[in-house]
């Protein structure tokens, strides 16, 4: 089935090389919110969709939008989504902001989804690169066009020439500064068109914000604040909430519609003819990958975003897949963290305690679970941890932030691990399909992970009472 995958619609857009310096704007959600509040102050009756259209108009080639010079400059910085290959190595992504929940979000697809939704509408999809920029767009420019999420996935899966059997990866990256972010560098080049994690985050967020507006009338500023600044933030659950919108087979149907749409409207691309069965097969597999390898999998905040100190010395490498998972609670910090700011502070505190007070090389846990809706990378998948004495080389240690002696984490947080993270780890080859789950107390003389949490995990699939040899 996959031997048709090389029959691509057209070549992947080339990376552009640049030595541009940062634009000088602090690229966080506060900056975007500030711009929206400025616009609302002079346009009190404007709906969120009105403001989104205004911002797109401001960056068109023939803009007559009534914005001042600073507003136009900031709008260009926010809405020009571009992946640039740097001459000295690496890839820089522009048009993205650091959100209060710790995720990186592209603004252009966010506003596009607010206007157009996530489904394919052929007449609304700017298939011939006209977009909101006007007809002057060029193929050498990597600025993303405002297509729906479904059409973006169509492009990503049908353009790249990457086999559908390859694991799905929307690359993430690191900011130059978490407090005053200006530039965002990706860990790798996008393999599927220019679909990055930030782009997908933006498209999902715009879709969910649009859903809120269907039932409520709000200013865009209050809409953004209620979505990104909660404790925990709604944005942290974007993957699960978007998945809740889908009906069975709906995503595959929309990707197929996108392929047919391109077949009809992009004749100049000289598309290779495919049978209806081939189109259906690709659409079905692409939807399956996106749901199982992305929507089902909780987001993990990388070490650079919680500002981890370097590992002391040289890590000892693990040899995945491993057979065991050990569940912990931190005990101290004793309070569950409900925001990115709290959870990252707890991560730094624990790393400092483990490295300085205990003399370990790094924070001991493989991964840490916040009550903000995210997991946090500790030693990760590939480094031997210091979480379960005598068992660190044969299993991963996952710890929930908080003291769970008499209570358990919120149901949605527990589901992130038992229904999402562990299943995704199995699919990705980090743990064996027949892995075992145990509480820390089962293999070490300790009360960890607390009576209440331990009782909770005894009903999880893969929990075992037996001690491994």
Protein backbone atom coordinates (compact mmCIF):
# COMPACT_ATOMS: atom_id res chain seq x y z
CA UNK A 1 0.00 0.00 0.00
CA UNK A 2 2.79 2.40 0.86
CA UNK A 3 4.52 2.00 -2.49
CA UNK A 4 2.21 4.72 -3.84
CA UNK A 5 3.49 7.23 -1.33
CA UNK A 6 6.19 8.57 -3.63
CA UNK A 7 3.47 9.72 -6.01
CA UNK A 8 3.39 13.14 -4.45
CA UNK A 9 1.26 16.07 -5.43
CA UNK A 10 4.16 18.46 -5.86
CA UNK A 11 7.60 19.03 -4.43
CA UNK A 12 8.09 20.16 -0.88
CA UNK A 13 8.73 23.89 -0.63
CA UNK A 14 12.46 24.59 -0.40
CA UNK A 15 13.97 25.86 2.82
CA UNK A 16 15.22 29.42 2.60
CA UNK A 17 18.59 30.34 3.98
CA UNK A 18 18.93 33.48 6.02
CA UNK A 19 21.17 35.21 8.51
CA UNK A 20 18.43 37.55 9.71
CA UNK A 21 18.74 38.82 13.24
CA UNK A 22 15.84 38.70 15.70
CA UNK A 23 13.07 41.19 14.94
CA UNK A 24 13.32 42.79 18.37
CA UNK A 25 9.79 41.87 19.45
CA UNK A 26 9.24 39.83 22.60
CA UNK A 27 7.35 36.90 21.11
CA UNK A 28 5.04 35.80 23.88
CA UNK A 29 1.29 35.71 24.29
CA UNK A 30 1.35 38.96 26.29
CA UNK A 31 2.66 40.75 23.20
CA UNK A 32 -0.14 39.38 21.04
CA UNK A 33 -2.73 40.13 23.74
CA UNK A 34 -1.40 43.67 24.02
CA UNK A 35 -1.86 44.23 20.29
CA UNK A 36 -5.43 42.91 20.46
CA UNK A 37 -6.27 45.20 23.38
CA UNK A 38 -4.87 48.18 21.47
CA UNK A 39 -7.08 47.37 18.50
CA UNK A 40 -10.11 46.82 20.70
CA UNK A 41 -9.62 50.19 22.38
CA UNK A 42 -10.45 51.94 19.09
CA UNK A 43 -12.79 49.28 17.71
CA UNK A 44 -15.04 48.45 20.63
CA UNK A 45 -17.68 46.77 18.48
CA UNK A 46 -15.28 44.53 16.55
CA UNK A 47 -15.78 40.79 16.92
CA UNK A 48 -12.79 38.41 17.22
CA UNK A 49 -13.35 37.46 13.57
CA UNK A 50 -13.32 41.14 12.58
CA UNK A 51 -9.96 41.62 14.29
CA UNK A 52 -8.54 38.46 12.74
CA UNK A 53 -9.53 39.68 9.29
CA UNK A 54 -8.06 43.11 10.07
CA UNK A 55 -4.69 41.56 11.01
CA UNK A 56 -4.59 39.50 7.84
CA UNK A 57 -5.43 42.59 5.81
CA UNK A 58 -2.59 44.49 7.50
CA UNK A 59 0.03 42.15 6.03
CA UNK A 60 -1.40 41.99 2.52
CA UNK A 61 0.63 43.40 -0.34
CA UNK A 62 -1.90 46.20 -0.86
CA UNK A 63 -2.83 46.91 2.74
CA UNK A 64 -5.21 49.71 3.56
CA UNK A 65 -5.67 48.56 7.15
CA UNK A 66 -5.86 51.50 9.59
CA UNK A 67 -2.96 50.42 11.79
CA UNK A 68 -0.01 52.53 12.83
CA UNK A 69 3.55 51.68 11.86
CA UNK A 70 4.37 49.84 15.09
CA UNK A 71 1.19 47.79 14.89
CA UNK A 72 1.89 46.83 11.29
CA UNK A 73 5.46 45.82 12.17
CA UNK A 74 4.28 43.66 15.06
CA UNK A 75 1.51 42.14 12.96
CA UNK A 76 4.03 41.12 10.31
CA UNK A 77 6.23 39.52 12.97
CA UNK A 78 3.30 37.62 14.46
CA UNK A 79 1.63 36.46 11.25
CA UNK A 80 4.60 35.64 9.03
CA UNK A 81 5.00 31.97 9.82
CA UNK A 82 8.26 30.78 8.34
CA UNK A 83 10.77 27.96 8.84
CA UNK A 84 14.27 29.07 7.89
CA UNK A 85 17.36 26.90 7.57
CA UNK A 86 20.23 28.77 9.21
CA UNK A 87 23.65 28.85 7.58
CA UNK A 88 25.42 27.92 10.81
CA UNK A 89 23.15 24.91 11.43
CA UNK A 90 19.66 24.53 12.78
CA UNK A 91 16.24 25.80 11.79
CA UNK A 92 14.52 28.90 13.04
CA UNK A 93 10.74 29.23 13.19
CA UNK A 94 9.21 32.70 13.12
CA UNK A 95 5.62 33.82 13.56
CA UNK A 96 5.31 31.87 16.81
CA UNK A 97 4.82 32.95 20.41
CA UNK A 98 5.44 31.38 23.81
CA UNK A 99 2.05 30.91 25.47
CA UNK A 100 1.48 31.16 29.25
CA UNK A 101 0.93 27.39 29.41
CA UNK A 102 4.48 26.75 28.13
CA UNK A 103 3.51 25.73 24.61
CA UNK A 104 4.67 27.47 21.44
CA UNK A 105 1.87 28.61 19.17
CA UNK A 106 1.86 29.93 15.59
CA UNK A 107 -0.49 32.91 15.29
CA UNK A 108 -1.28 32.66 11.58
CA UNK A 109 -3.01 29.25 11.68
CA UNK A 110 -4.72 30.25 14.93
CA UNK A 111 -6.40 33.25 13.30
CA UNK A 112 -7.03 31.30 10.12
CA UNK A 113 -8.86 28.56 12.04
CA UNK A 114 -10.89 31.15 13.89
CA UNK A 115 -12.05 32.50 10.53
CA UNK A 116 -12.39 29.34 8.43
CA UNK A 117 -12.67 26.42 10.85
CA UNK A 118 -10.68 23.19 10.60
CA UNK A 119 -12.54 21.48 7.78
CA UNK A 120 -11.83 21.72 4.07
CA UNK A 121 -13.84 24.25 2.10
CA UNK A 122 -12.43 24.20 -1.42
CA UNK A 123 -13.63 27.67 -2.36
CA UNK A 124 -12.10 29.09 0.81
CA UNK A 125 -8.79 27.25 0.57
CA UNK A 126 -6.28 29.52 -1.12
CA UNK A 127 -5.01 26.74 -3.31
CA UNK A 128 -3.22 28.85 -5.84
CA UNK A 129 -1.15 30.71 -3.23
CA UNK A 130 -3.19 33.91 -3.37
CA UNK A 131 -4.04 33.89 0.33
CA UNK A 132 -4.43 37.00 2.41
CA UNK A 133 -1.04 38.21 1.22
CA UNK A 134 -2.42 38.98 -2.21
CA UNK A 135 -1.36 37.54 -5.55
CA UNK A 136 2.30 38.47 -5.09
CA UNK A 137 3.11 35.38 -3.01
CA UNK A 138 6.00 33.34 -4.37
CA UNK A 139 6.89 29.70 -3.99
CA UNK A 140 10.30 30.59 -2.60
CA UNK A 141 8.65 32.29 0.37
CA UNK A 142 7.93 29.89 3.22
CA UNK A 143 5.12 31.99 4.71
CA UNK A 144 2.27 29.68 5.56
CA UNK A 145 -0.99 30.23 3.75
CA UNK A 146 -4.22 30.32 5.67
CA UNK A 147 -5.58 26.88 5.00
CA UNK A 148 -7.63 24.79 7.38
CA UNK A 149 -6.05 22.19 9.62
CA UNK A 150 -7.41 19.40 7.43
CA UNK A 151 -5.92 20.97 4.30
CA UNK A 152 -2.62 21.55 6.09
CA UNK A 153 -2.52 17.86 6.99
CA UNK A 154 -3.34 17.03 3.38
CA UNK A 155 -0.30 19.07 2.30
CA UNK A 156 1.88 17.63 5.04
CA UNK A 157 1.09 14.01 4.33
CA UNK A 158 0.69 14.16 0.57
CA UNK A 159 3.49 16.56 -0.37
CA UNK A 160 6.50 15.54 1.62
CA UNK A 161 7.41 12.24 0.05
CA UNK A 162 7.93 10.81 3.54
CA UNK A 163 6.67 7.25 3.83
CA UNK A 164 3.49 6.83 5.80
CA UNK A 165 5.31 4.09 7.68
CA UNK A 166 7.71 6.66 9.16
CA UNK A 167 6.82 7.80 12.69
CA UNK A 168 4.95 11.08 12.81
CA UNK A 169 6.93 13.98 14.22
CA UNK A 170 6.00 17.64 14.33
CA UNK A 171 9.27 19.18 15.52
CA UNK A 172 9.39 21.31 18.64
CA UNK A 173 12.27 23.51 19.73
CA UNK A 174 13.71 25.93 22.28
CA UNK A 175 13.45 29.67 22.86
CA UNK A 176 16.49 31.87 23.34
CA UNK A 177 14.88 33.03 26.60
CA UNK A 178 11.78 31.89 28.45
CA UNK A 179 11.28 35.26 30.18
CA UNK A 180 11.86 37.45 27.10
CA UNK A 181 11.56 35.13 24.07
CA UNK A 182 12.54 36.50 20.68
CA UNK A 183 13.79 33.62 18.55
CA UNK A 184 12.66 30.01 18.44
CA UNK A 185 15.00 27.32 17.12
CA UNK A 186 13.65 23.95 16.06
CA UNK A 187 15.32 20.70 17.05
CA UNK A 188 14.96 19.42 13.46
CA UNK A 189 13.61 20.42 10.09
CA UNK A 190 9.95 19.60 9.46
CA UNK A 191 9.74 16.39 7.46
CA UNK A 192 6.16 16.95 6.32
CA UNK A 193 5.89 20.24 4.43
CA UNK A 194 6.46 22.89 7.14
CA UNK A 195 4.16 21.36 9.74
CA UNK A 196 5.67 22.04 13.15
CA UNK A 197 4.29 21.53 16.64
CA UNK A 198 3.71 25.28 16.93
CA UNK A 199 1.73 25.32 13.69
CA UNK A 200 -0.48 22.43 14.81
CA UNK A 201 -0.94 24.04 18.25
CA UNK A 202 -2.11 27.23 16.55
CA UNK A 203 -4.54 25.41 14.27
CA UNK A 204 -6.03 23.44 17.18
CA UNK A 205 -6.31 26.54 19.36
CA UNK A 206 -8.02 28.53 16.62
CA UNK A 207 -10.48 25.69 16.07
CA UNK A 208 -11.35 25.49 19.77
CA UNK A 209 -11.65 29.26 20.12
CA UNK A 210 -14.02 29.26 17.16
CA UNK A 211 -16.13 26.62 18.91
CA UNK A 212 -16.36 28.83 22.01
CA UNK A 213 -17.52 31.75 19.88
CA UNK A 214 -20.34 29.68 18.41
CA UNK A 215 -22.00 29.66 21.82
CA UNK A 216 -20.65 32.85 23.39
CA UNK A 217 -20.12 36.46 22.36
CA UNK A 218 -16.76 37.67 23.66
CA UNK A 219 -14.07 40.18 22.93
CA UNK A 220 -10.96 38.54 21.55
CA UNK A 221 -8.87 39.74 24.51
CA UNK A 222 -11.17 38.09 27.07
CA UNK A 223 -11.38 34.98 24.89
CA UNK A 224 -7.59 34.65 24.81
CA UNK A 225 -7.26 35.30 28.54
CA UNK A 226 -9.83 32.69 29.50
CA UNK A 227 -8.21 30.13 27.19
CA UNK A 228 -4.51 30.61 27.95
CA UNK A 229 -4.37 32.03 31.47
CA UNK A 230 -6.44 29.53 33.49
CA UNK A 231 -5.24 27.31 36.34
CA UNK A 232 -4.92 24.92 34.64
CA UNK A 233 -5.15 26.56 31.23
CA UNK A 234 -7.70 25.25 28.73
CA UNK A 235 -4.97 25.37 26.09
CA UNK A 236 -3.05 22.58 27.83
CA UNK A 237 -5.83 20.17 26.84
CA UNK A 238 -6.04 21.26 23.19
CA UNK A 239 -5.33 17.78 21.82
CA UNK A 240 -7.98 16.05 23.89
CA UNK A 241 -10.56 18.79 23.34
CA UNK A 242 -10.04 18.79 19.59
CA UNK A 243 -10.36 15.02 19.54
CA UNK A 244 -13.67 15.35 21.37
CA UNK A 245 -14.96 17.38 18.42
CA UNK A 246 -14.27 14.60 15.93
CA UNK A 247 -16.76 11.96 14.92
CA UNK A 248 -15.53 8.56 13.74
CA UNK A 249 -13.85 8.76 10.35
CA UNK A 250 -14.38 12.53 10.10
CA UNK A 251 -10.71 13.49 9.93
CA UNK A 252 -9.97 10.94 7.19
CA UNK A 253 -12.96 12.20 5.23
CA UNK A 254 -11.69 15.79 5.42
CA UNK A 255 -8.14 14.84 4.37
CA UNK A 256 -9.60 12.92 1.43
CA UNK A 257 -11.69 15.97 0.55
CA UNK A 258 -8.50 18.04 0.61
CA UNK A 259 -6.81 15.67 -1.83
CA UNK A 260 -9.77 15.80 -4.21
CA UNK A 261 -9.82 19.57 -3.82
CA UNK A 262 -6.19 19.84 -4.88
CA UNK A 263 -6.76 17.44 -7.72
CA UNK A 264 -9.49 19.74 -9.07
CA UNK A 265 -8.00 23.17 -8.35
CA UNK A 266 -4.26 22.71 -8.68
CA UNK A 267 -3.97 21.30 -12.17
CA UNK A 268 -0.82 23.34 -12.78
CA UNK A 269 0.96 21.13 -10.27
CA UNK A 270 0.80 18.27 -12.80
CA UNK A 271 -0.51 15.80 -10.26
CA UNK A 272 0.25 12.15 -10.81
CA UNK A 273 -3.00 10.27 -11.38
CA UNK A 274 -4.14 8.03 -8.54
CA UNK A 275 -7.06 5.73 -8.15
CA UNK A 276 -9.84 6.50 -5.71
CA UNK A 277 -8.61 3.58 -3.61
CA UNK A 278 -5.13 5.12 -3.37
CA UNK A 279 -6.53 8.48 -2.28
CA UNK A 280 -8.70 6.79 0.35
CA UNK A 281 -5.80 4.69 1.60
CA UNK A 282 -3.51 7.69 2.08
CA UNK A 283 -6.23 9.76 3.75
CA UNK A 284 -7.13 6.94 6.13
CA UNK A 285 -3.53 6.26 7.12
CA UNK A 286 -2.73 9.96 7.56
CA UNK A 287 -5.73 10.47 9.84
CA UNK A 288 -4.82 7.37 11.83
CA UNK A 289 -1.26 8.58 12.34
CA UNK A 290 -2.36 12.05 13.38
CA UNK A 291 -4.83 10.73 15.90
CA UNK A 292 -2.74 7.89 17.35
CA UNK A 293 0.69 9.50 17.29
CA UNK A 294 -0.31 13.07 18.10
CA UNK A 295 -3.82 13.66 19.45
CA UNK A 296 -3.67 10.59 21.72
CA UNK A 297 -0.25 11.58 23.08
CA UNK A 298 0.15 14.15 25.87
CA UNK A 299 2.52 17.01 25.18
CA UNK A 300 5.86 16.93 27.01
CA UNK A 301 7.56 20.16 28.05
CA UNK A 302 11.26 19.80 27.06
CA UNK A 303 14.12 20.50 29.43
CA UNK A 304 15.00 23.79 27.79
CA UNK A 305 11.56 25.24 28.55
CA UNK A 306 11.68 24.50 32.27
CA UNK A 307 15.24 25.86 32.18
CA UNK A 308 16.99 22.71 33.35
CA UNK A 309 20.61 22.89 34.40
CA UNK A 310 23.01 20.73 32.36
CA UNK A 311 23.55 17.10 33.26
CA UNK A 312 26.68 16.69 35.40
CA UNK A 313 29.11 14.41 33.66
CA UNK A 314 28.15 11.98 30.92
CA UNK A 315 24.74 10.24 31.01
CA UNK A 316 24.51 6.47 30.90
CA UNK A 317 22.31 5.48 28.01
CA UNK A 318 19.26 3.27 28.32
CA UNK A 319 18.46 0.57 25.78
CA UNK A 320 14.74 0.91 24.93
CA UNK A 321 12.30 -0.69 24.83
CA UNK A 322 12.20 -1.20 28.60
CA UNK A 323 9.90 -3.57 30.48
CA UNK A 324 8.99 -1.59 33.59
CA UNK A 325 7.40 1.67 34.70
CA UNK A 326 7.64 2.89 38.29
CA UNK A 327 5.11 5.39 39.62
CA UNK A 328 6.17 8.03 42.18
CA UNK A 329 4.91 11.17 43.86
CA UNK A 330 7.26 13.98 44.76
CA UNK A 331 5.98 14.39 48.35
CA UNK A 332 7.97 17.62 48.32
CA UNK A 333 6.81 19.79 46.58
CA UNK A 334 3.64 18.70 48.34
CA UNK A 335 1.13 20.86 46.47
CA UNK A 336 0.12 19.95 42.92
CA UNK A 337 1.25 22.63 40.47
CA UNK A 338 -1.54 24.14 38.37
CA UNK A 339 0.35 26.38 35.95
CA UNK A 340 3.44 26.34 33.77
CA UNK A 341 5.08 28.88 36.06
CA UNK A 342 4.47 26.78 39.18
CA UNK A 343 5.44 23.48 37.57
CA UNK A 344 8.66 24.80 36.05
CA UNK A 345 9.63 26.30 39.41
CA UNK A 346 9.00 22.90 41.00
CA UNK A 347 11.11 21.19 38.34
CA UNK A 348 14.03 23.55 38.96
CA UNK A 349 13.66 23.11 42.72
CA UNK A 350 13.72 19.32 42.45
CA UNK A 351 16.69 19.35 40.10
CA UNK A 352 18.56 21.63 42.48
CA UNK A 353 17.77 19.34 45.43
CA UNK A 354 18.83 16.23 43.52
CA UNK A 355 22.03 17.73 42.11
CA UNK A 356 23.17 19.85 45.06
CA UNK A 357 21.78 18.21 48.20
CA UNK A 358 21.91 14.61 47.05
CA UNK A 359 24.88 14.93 44.73
CA UNK A 360 23.18 13.27 41.77
CA UNK A 361 24.01 14.04 38.17
CA UNK A 362 20.55 15.39 37.37
CA UNK A 363 16.91 15.35 38.43
CA UNK A 364 16.20 11.71 39.15
CA UNK A 365 12.88 11.08 37.40
CA UNK A 366 12.48 10.13 33.75
CA UNK A 367 9.31 12.23 33.45
CA UNK A 368 7.30 14.36 35.84
CA UNK A 369 3.54 14.98 35.70
CA UNK A 370 2.13 18.41 36.52
CA UNK A 371 -1.49 19.14 37.33
CA UNK A 372 -1.36 21.86 34.68
CA UNK A 373 -2.04 19.31 31.91
CA UNK A 374 1.56 18.64 30.83
CA UNK A 375 4.31 16.14 31.42
CA UNK A 376 7.83 17.45 31.91
CA UNK A 377 10.98 15.86 30.55
CA UNK A 378 13.39 14.80 33.28
CA UNK A 379 16.08 12.42 32.15
CA UNK A 380 13.78 11.38 29.34
CA UNK A 381 13.67 8.22 27.28
CA UNK A 382 17.39 7.70 26.75
CA UNK A 383 19.22 8.45 30.03
CA UNK A 384 19.38 6.13 33.04
CA UNK A 385 17.56 7.84 35.89
CA UNK A 386 17.90 7.91 39.69
CA UNK A 387 14.32 7.17 40.66
CA UNK A 388 14.03 3.55 41.78
CA UNK A 389 17.16 2.16 43.43
CA UNK A 390 18.37 -1.03 41.80
CA UNK A 391 15.91 -0.69 38.92
CA UNK A 392 16.96 2.48 37.11
CA UNK A 393 18.42 0.73 34.10
CA UNK A 394 15.40 -1.49 33.46
CA UNK A 395 12.52 0.94 33.81
CA UNK A 396 11.29 4.52 33.63
CA UNK A 397 10.33 6.55 36.67
CA UNK A 398 7.23 8.75 36.33
CA UNK A 399 6.48 11.07 39.22
CA UNK A 400 3.38 13.17 39.93
CA UNK A 401 4.12 16.55 41.50
CA UNK A 402 2.46 16.66 44.90
CA UNK A 403 1.85 14.64 48.04
CA UNK A 404 -0.77 12.03 47.17
CA UNK A 405 -0.99 10.23 50.48
CA UNK A 406 -4.64 11.09 51.07
CA UNK A 407 -5.81 12.32 47.66
CA UNK A 408 -5.13 11.62 43.99
CA UNK A 409 -4.50 13.91 41.01
CA UNK A 410 -7.45 15.14 39.00
CA UNK A 411 -9.00 12.45 36.77
CA UNK A 412 -7.93 14.25 33.62
CA UNK A 413 -4.32 14.32 34.82
CA UNK A 414 -4.36 10.60 35.64
CA UNK A 415 -5.74 9.91 32.17
CA UNK A 416 -2.82 11.77 30.60
CA UNK A 417 -0.54 9.04 31.90
CA UNK A 418 -2.56 5.81 31.94
CA UNK A 419 -4.63 6.39 28.78
CA UNK A 420 -2.20 8.49 26.78
CA UNK A 421 1.45 8.65 27.69
CA UNK A 422 2.04 4.95 28.33
CA UNK A 423 0.17 3.81 25.22
CA UNK A 424 2.09 6.30 23.09
CA UNK A 425 5.36 5.14 24.63
CA UNK A 426 4.50 1.59 23.61
CA UNK A 427 3.65 2.63 20.04
CA UNK A 428 6.90 4.60 19.84
CA UNK A 429 9.00 1.64 20.97
CA UNK A 430 10.17 3.02 24.33
CA UNK A 431 8.42 0.41 26.45
CA UNK A 432 7.50 -3.18 25.64
CA UNK A 433 3.87 -4.06 24.89
CA UNK A 434 3.80 -6.36 27.94
CA UNK A 435 5.41 -3.82 30.31
CA UNK A 436 4.61 -3.80 34.01
CA UNK A 437 3.55 -0.90 36.23
CA UNK A 438 4.52 -0.82 39.89
CA UNK A 439 4.54 1.70 42.67
CA UNK A 440 7.89 2.82 44.03
CA UNK A 441 7.05 1.16 47.38
CA UNK A 442 6.83 -2.28 45.80
CA UNK A 443 10.56 -2.45 45.06
CA UNK A 444 12.06 0.02 47.57
CA UNK A 445 11.34 0.53 51.29
CA UNK A 446 9.31 3.74 50.99
CA UNK A 447 5.74 5.03 51.27
CA UNK A 448 5.97 6.53 47.76
CA UNK A 449 3.79 7.11 45.72
CA UNK A 450 1.45 7.77 48.65
CA UNK A 451 -1.42 5.55 49.81
CA UNK A 452 -4.12 7.18 47.69
CA UNK A 453 -2.13 7.25 44.45
CA UNK A 454 -0.85 3.71 45.00
CA UNK A 455 -4.41 2.48 45.45
CA UNK A 456 -5.33 4.25 42.21
CA UNK A 457 -2.63 2.59 40.10
CA UNK A 458 -3.52 -0.91 41.35
CA UNK A 459 -6.49 -0.86 38.94
CA UNK A 460 -4.46 0.33 35.95
CA UNK A 461 -3.82 -2.01 33.06
CA UNK A 462 -0.33 -3.55 33.34
CA UNK A 463 -0.17 -3.09 37.12
CA UNK A 464 1.46 -6.09 38.76
CA UNK A 465 1.89 -7.11 42.40
CA UNK A 466 4.88 -9.27 41.62
CA UNK A 467 8.44 -8.02 42.12
CA UNK A 468 10.66 -8.56 39.13
CA UNK A 469 13.94 -10.35 39.54
